[in-house]
Amino acid sequence: MAIWPTQMWQSILNRAVAILGSGPFAKNFGSLSAAIF
């Protein structure tokens, strides 16, 4: 796994949250993000 700048990770995570948060995976993703963070 490449080591990316934090800002790049935040950008990717924000985009993933926007996509998944508006989709059918919102509930599962919420549980997953709670487990990660």
PDB file of N, CA and C in Angstrom:
ATOM      1  N   MET A   1       0.851  -1.201   0.000  1.00  0.00           N
ATOM      2  CA  MET A   1       0.000   0.000   0.000  1.00  0.00           C
ATOM      3  C   MET A   1       0.885   1.249   0.000  1.00  0.00           C
ATOM      4  N   ALA A   2       0.593   2.138  -0.881  1.00  0.00           N
ATOM      5  CA  ALA A   2       1.378   3.367  -0.986  1.00  0.00           C
ATOM      6  C   ALA A   2       1.082   4.292   0.193  1.00  0.00           C
ATOM      7  N   ILE A   3       2.084   5.046   0.575  1.00  0.00           N
ATOM      8  CA  ILE A   3       1.902   6.033   1.645  1.00  0.00           C
ATOM      9  C   ILE A   3       1.539   7.369   0.994  1.00  0.00           C
ATOM     10  N   TRP A   4       0.294   7.788   1.221  1.00  0.00           N
ATOM     11  CA  TRP A   4      -0.198   9.018   0.599  1.00  0.00           C
ATOM     12  C   TRP A   4      -0.314  10.121   1.636  1.00  0.00           C
ATOM     13  N   PRO A   5      -0.239  11.357   1.196  1.00  0.00           N
ATOM     14  CA  PRO A   5      -0.433  12.486   2.114  1.00  0.00           C
ATOM     15  C   PRO A   5      -1.816  12.422   2.752  1.00  0.00           C
ATOM     16  N   THR A   6      -1.906  12.890   3.978  1.00  0.00           N
ATOM     17  CA  THR A   6      -3.175  12.848   4.705  1.00  0.00           C
ATOM     18  C   THR A   6      -4.278  13.566   3.943  1.00  0.00           C
ATOM     19  N   GLN A   7      -3.928  14.670   3.304  1.00  0.00           N
ATOM     20  CA  GLN A   7      -4.934  15.442   2.583  1.00  0.00           C
ATOM     21  C   GLN A   7      -5.548  14.614   1.461  1.00  0.00           C
ATOM     22  N   MET A   8      -4.724  13.801   0.803  1.00  0.00           N
ATOM     23  CA  MET A   8      -5.232  12.962  -0.276  1.00  0.00           C
ATOM     24  C   MET A   8      -6.177  11.907   0.278  1.00  0.00           C
ATOM     25  N   TRP A   9      -5.806  11.310   1.409  1.00  0.00           N
ATOM     26  CA  TRP A   9      -6.686  10.329   2.049  1.00  0.00           C
ATOM     27  C   TRP A   9      -8.012  10.972   2.425  1.00  0.00           C
ATOM     28  N   GLN A  10      -7.975  12.168   2.978  1.00  0.00           N
ATOM     29  CA  GLN A  10      -9.204  12.850   3.377  1.00  0.00           C
ATOM     30  C   GLN A  10     -10.091  13.104   2.171  1.00  0.00           C
ATOM     31  N   SER A  11      -9.482  13.482   1.048  1.00  0.00           N
ATOM     32  CA  SER A  11     -10.246  13.726  -0.164  1.00  0.00           C
ATOM     33  C   SER A  11     -10.930  12.453  -0.637  1.00  0.00           C
ATOM     34  N   ILE A  12     -10.188  11.351  -0.628  1.00  0.00           N
ATOM     35  CA  ILE A  12     -10.752  10.072  -1.064  1.00  0.00           C
ATOM     36  C   ILE A  12     -11.850   9.613  -0.112  1.00  0.00           C
ATOM     37  N   LEU A  13     -11.602   9.740   1.191  1.00  0.00           N
ATOM     38  CA  LEU A  13     -12.601   9.320   2.166  1.00  0.00           C
ATOM     39  C   LEU A  13     -13.862  10.164   2.059  1.00  0.00           C
ATOM     40  N   ASN A  14     -13.699  11.474   1.876  1.00  0.00           N
ATOM     41  CA  ASN A  14     -14.863  12.341   1.740  1.00  0.00           C
ATOM     42  C   ASN A  14     -15.693  11.945   0.530  1.00  0.00           C
ATOM     43  N   ARG A  15     -15.016  11.621  -0.574  1.00  0.00           N
ATOM     44  CA  ARG A  15     -15.726  11.207  -1.781  1.00  0.00           C
ATOM     45  C   ARG A  15     -16.444   9.880  -1.555  1.00  0.00           C
ATOM     46  N   ALA A  16     -15.779   8.956  -0.867  1.00  0.00           N
ATOM     47  CA  ALA A  16     -16.394   7.657  -0.583  1.00  0.00           C
ATOM     48  C   ALA A  16     -17.621   7.823   0.313  1.00  0.00           C
ATOM     49  N   VAL A  17     -17.502   8.699   1.304  1.00  0.00           N
ATOM     50  CA  VAL A  17     -18.630   8.952   2.201  1.00  0.00           C
ATOM     51  C   VAL A  17     -19.803   9.537   1.425  1.00  0.00           C
ATOM     52  N   ALA A  18     -19.517  10.459   0.515  1.00  0.00           N
ATOM     53  CA  ALA A  18     -20.575  11.080  -0.269  1.00  0.00           C
ATOM     54  C   ALA A  18     -21.278  10.051  -1.150  1.00  0.00           C
ATOM     55  N   ILE A  19     -20.498   9.158  -1.753  1.00  0.00           N
ATOM     56  CA  ILE A  19     -21.078   8.149  -2.643  1.00  0.00           C
ATOM     57  C   ILE A  19     -21.848   7.096  -1.852  1.00  0.00           C
ATOM     58  N   LEU A  20     -21.187   6.518  -0.853  1.00  0.00           N
ATOM     59  CA  LEU A  20     -21.816   5.444  -0.089  1.00  0.00           C
ATOM     60  C   LEU A  20     -22.931   5.970   0.804  1.00  0.00           C
ATOM     61  N   GLY A  21     -22.765   7.186   1.318  1.00  0.00           N
ATOM     62  CA  GLY A  21     -23.763   7.760   2.208  1.00  0.00           C
ATOM     63  C   GLY A  21     -25.093   7.999   1.522  1.00  0.00           C
ATOM     64  N   SER A  22     -25.064   8.156   0.197  1.00  0.00           N
ATOM     65  CA  SER A  22     -26.298   8.405  -0.540  1.00  0.00           C
ATOM     66  C   SER A  22     -26.834   7.129  -1.174  1.00  0.00           C
ATOM     67  N   GLY A  23     -26.127   6.017  -0.959  1.00  0.00           N
ATOM     68  CA  GLY A  23     -26.517   4.758  -1.573  1.00  0.00           C
ATOM     69  C   GLY A  23     -27.088   3.778  -0.568  1.00  0.00           C
ATOM     70  N   PRO A  24     -27.343   2.560  -1.015  1.00  0.00           N
ATOM     71  CA  PRO A  24     -27.947   1.527  -0.157  1.00  0.00           C
ATOM     72  C   PRO A  24     -26.993   1.002   0.908  1.00  0.00           C
ATOM     73  N   PHE A  25     -25.714   1.387   0.812  1.00  0.00           N
ATOM     74  CA  PHE A  25     -24.727   0.899   1.770  1.00  0.00           C
ATOM     75  C   PHE A  25     -24.549   1.845   2.950  1.00  0.00           C
ATOM     76  N   ALA A  26     -25.388   2.889   3.021  1.00  0.00           N
ATOM     77  CA  ALA A  26     -25.205   3.927   4.032  1.00  0.00           C
ATOM     78  C   ALA A  26     -25.151   3.337   5.443  1.00  0.00           C
ATOM     79  N   LYS A  27     -26.072   2.426   5.758  1.00  0.00           N
ATOM     80  CA  LYS A  27     -26.135   1.884   7.120  1.00  0.00           C
ATOM     81  C   LYS A  27     -24.893   1.049   7.419  1.00  0.00           C
ATOM     82  N   ASN A  28     -24.509   0.186   6.485  1.00  0.00           N
ATOM     83  CA  ASN A  28     -23.331  -0.650   6.686  1.00  0.00           C
ATOM     84  C   ASN A  28     -22.072   0.199   6.747  1.00  0.00           C
ATOM     85  N   PHE A  29     -21.988   1.216   5.895  1.00  0.00           N
ATOM     86  CA  PHE A  29     -20.806   2.066   5.871  1.00  0.00           C
ATOM     87  C   PHE A  29     -20.691   2.851   7.171  1.00  0.00           C
ATOM     88  N   GLY A  30     -21.824   3.258   7.730  1.00  0.00           N
ATOM     89  CA  GLY A  30     -21.798   3.964   9.001  1.00  0.00           C
ATOM     90  C   GLY A  30     -21.209   3.098  10.096  1.00  0.00           C
ATOM     91  N   SER A  31     -21.593   1.824  10.110  1.00  0.00           N
ATOM     92  CA  SER A  31     -21.040   0.900  11.096  1.00  0.00           C
ATOM     93  C   SER A  31     -19.558   0.680  10.851  1.00  0.00           C
ATOM     94  N   LEU A  32     -19.178   0.577   9.579  1.00  0.00           N
ATOM     95  CA  LEU A  32     -17.780   0.345   9.232  1.00  0.00           C
ATOM     96  C   LEU A  32     -16.916   1.531   9.639  1.00  0.00           C
ATOM     97  N   SER A  33     -17.364   2.743   9.318  1.00  0.00           N
ATOM     98  CA  SER A  33     -16.568   3.920   9.655  1.00  0.00           C
ATOM     99  C   SER A  33     -16.473   4.083  11.171  1.00  0.00           C
ATOM    100  N   ALA A  34     -17.531   3.713  11.887  1.00  0.00           N
ATOM    101  CA  ALA A  34     -17.483   3.794  13.345  1.00  0.00           C
ATOM    102  C   ALA A  34     -16.444   2.819  13.892  1.00  0.00           C
ATOM    103  N   ALA A  35     -16.330   1.658  13.256  1.00  0.00           N
ATOM    104  CA  ALA A  35     -15.357   0.661  13.697  1.00  0.00           C
ATOM    105  C   ALA A  35     -13.933   1.126  13.396  1.00  0.00           C
ATOM    106  N   ILE A  36     -13.752   1.793  12.259  1.00  0.00           N
ATOM    107  CA  ILE A  36     -12.419   2.244  11.859  1.00  0.00           C
ATOM    108  C   ILE A  36     -11.973   3.427  12.702  1.00  0.00           C
ATOM    109  N   PHE A  37     -12.852   4.405  12.855  1.00  0.00           N
ATOM    110  CA  PHE A  37     -12.484   5.621  13.566  1.00  0.00           C
ATOM    111  C   PHE A  37     -12.888   5.555  15.034  1.00  0.00           C
TER     112      PHE A  37
END
